[in-house]
Structures are given as C-alpha cells and as structure tokens.
Amino acid sequence: MNTKLWLILATGIAFSSATSAEDKVRSHLKCYLQLEDKSEVVHHFVNSGTEEKLFIDSLTQRGVFMSDGVSEKQIQKVHECVAIKSNFKNKDAVELEKNTPF
C-alpha cells in the first residue's frame, strides 16, 4: 500500500513539472529585416516566454551580428516574421533566404 502511494505521488509530481515546463516553450522564428544601413537580411531568433507579437515589435530595439561575428547593426524595420519551418510570403524574403547560409 505504501509503495503504491509513493508511486502515485511521484507520477503526479512528474506530470505537474512537465506541464510547468511547457509554459516556457521556446518558439524559433526567422525574420526578414531591414538594417540601419538599409540592407535587408533574414535572421533567426528564439523567443522564450514573450507573446510573439510583443517579441516581434521589440526587435527594432535590438541589433544583429553580421556574418563576421564581430560587427553589429541595429534593426530598423521588421518586414515579416514566420515560424522557422514556415515559408515567407514576401517574394524578396524567399529569394534572400535561399541565398543566406544558415
């Protein structure tokens, strides 16, 4: 009887911690952006916990590192953001993504 009670308690704890871990699911996004020098890039982001629209709106307050890994440029405008496995609707973004090594 005592063993069954501990087994039930352990199962309950495992499920409760699993559901709380799901609350902080990370979403992976790719965004078509215009930078401060008017260049356009596709960049990947990971959003953990923030509402997606708020996260996208906050991107213009950030910078992104260039391919050299040292220089950084501010994001001036967000044209479009989609889930990492989705396709862009913007034709320029689709073409740029094809030519962007990830």
Protein backbone atom coordinates (compact mmCIF):
# COMPACT_ATOMS: atom_id res chain seq x y z
CA MET A 1 0.00 0.00 0.00
CA ASN A 2 2.76 2.42 0.94
CA THR A 3 4.61 1.71 -2.32
CA LYS A 4 1.50 2.44 -4.39
CA LEU A 5 1.02 5.76 -2.61
CA TRP A 6 4.62 6.81 -3.35
CA LEU A 7 4.25 5.73 -6.95
CA ILE A 8 1.08 7.84 -7.34
CA LEU A 9 2.78 10.85 -5.71
CA ALA A 10 5.86 10.53 -7.91
CA THR A 11 3.72 10.31 -11.04
CA GLY A 12 1.75 13.38 -10.01
CA ILE A 13 4.92 15.38 -9.40
CA ALA A 14 6.35 14.32 -12.76
CA PHE A 15 3.22 15.45 -14.62
CA SER A 16 3.00 18.76 -12.75
CA SER A 17 6.62 19.65 -13.52
CA ALA A 18 6.15 18.63 -17.16
CA THR A 19 3.19 20.96 -17.58
CA SER A 20 5.03 23.88 -15.97
CA ALA A 21 7.95 23.29 -18.37
CA GLU A 22 5.52 23.57 -21.29
CA ASP A 23 4.58 27.09 -20.16
CA LYS A 24 8.03 28.33 -21.21
CA VAL A 25 8.18 26.80 -24.67
CA ARG A 26 10.65 28.41 -27.00
CA SER A 27 9.48 29.48 -30.42
CA HIS A 28 12.00 29.65 -33.22
CA LEU A 29 11.37 32.42 -35.74
CA LYS A 30 13.01 33.64 -38.91
CA CYS A 31 12.54 37.28 -39.77
CA TYR A 32 13.06 39.37 -42.88
CA LEU A 33 14.62 42.61 -41.61
CA GLN A 34 15.88 45.96 -42.80
CA LEU A 35 19.03 47.12 -41.00
CA GLU A 36 20.28 50.62 -40.23
CA ASP A 37 22.38 50.73 -43.42
CA LYS A 38 19.22 49.91 -45.45
CA SER A 39 20.46 46.37 -46.20
CA GLU A 40 17.97 43.53 -45.87
CA VAL A 41 18.70 40.21 -44.16
CA VAL A 42 16.98 37.07 -42.94
CA HIS A 43 17.87 36.34 -39.33
CA HIS A 44 16.87 33.61 -36.86
CA PHE A 45 15.56 34.38 -33.36
CA VAL A 46 14.47 32.31 -30.37
CA ASN A 47 11.58 33.68 -28.33
CA SER A 48 11.12 32.19 -24.89
CA GLY A 49 8.09 33.25 -22.97
CA THR A 50 7.14 36.57 -24.55
CA GLU A 51 3.96 36.92 -26.57
CA GLU A 52 5.03 36.60 -30.21
CA LYS A 53 3.67 39.97 -31.36
CA LEU A 54 5.41 41.78 -28.48
CA PHE A 55 8.64 39.95 -29.27
CA ILE A 56 8.48 40.95 -32.95
CA ASP A 57 7.66 44.55 -32.01
CA SER A 58 10.71 44.65 -29.71
CA LEU A 59 13.13 43.58 -32.45
CA THR A 60 13.64 47.16 -33.66
CA GLN A 61 15.30 47.88 -30.29
CA ARG A 62 17.93 45.20 -30.96
CA GLY A 63 20.99 44.71 -33.05
CA VAL A 64 22.09 41.67 -35.01
CA PHE A 65 25.61 40.42 -35.58
CA MET A 66 26.86 40.27 -39.12
CA SER A 67 28.41 37.19 -40.71
CA ASP A 68 31.90 38.17 -39.45
CA GLY A 69 30.62 37.59 -35.89
CA VAL A 70 32.06 40.92 -34.68
CA SER A 71 30.20 43.83 -36.28
CA GLU A 72 26.65 44.58 -35.22
CA LYS A 73 23.90 46.61 -36.89
CA GLN A 74 20.61 47.87 -35.49
CA ILE A 75 17.33 46.56 -36.83
CA GLN A 76 15.43 49.42 -38.40
CA LYS A 77 12.32 47.62 -39.67
CA VAL A 78 10.77 44.16 -39.43
CA HIS A 79 9.16 43.24 -42.75
CA GLU A 80 7.95 39.75 -41.83
CA CYS A 81 8.49 37.03 -39.21
CA VAL A 82 7.36 33.41 -39.52
CA ALA A 83 7.93 30.15 -37.70
CA ILE A 84 11.29 28.61 -38.55
CA LYS A 85 9.76 25.82 -40.67
CA SER A 86 7.23 28.06 -42.43
CA ASN A 87 7.68 29.88 -45.70
CA PHE A 88 7.82 33.63 -46.11
CA LYS A 89 5.00 35.28 -48.05
CA ASN A 90 7.27 38.10 -49.26
CA LYS A 91 9.00 37.10 -52.53
CA ASP A 92 12.13 39.10 -51.68
CA ALA A 93 12.41 37.28 -48.35
CA VAL A 94 12.04 33.88 -50.05
CA GLU A 95 14.83 34.72 -52.51
CA LEU A 96 17.09 36.14 -49.81
CA GLU A 97 16.57 33.06 -47.63
CA LYS A 98 17.66 30.80 -50.49
CA ASN A 99 20.93 32.74 -50.70
CA THR A 100 21.53 33.01 -46.95
CA PRO A 101 23.72 30.28 -45.43
CA PHE A 102 22.47 29.09 -42.03
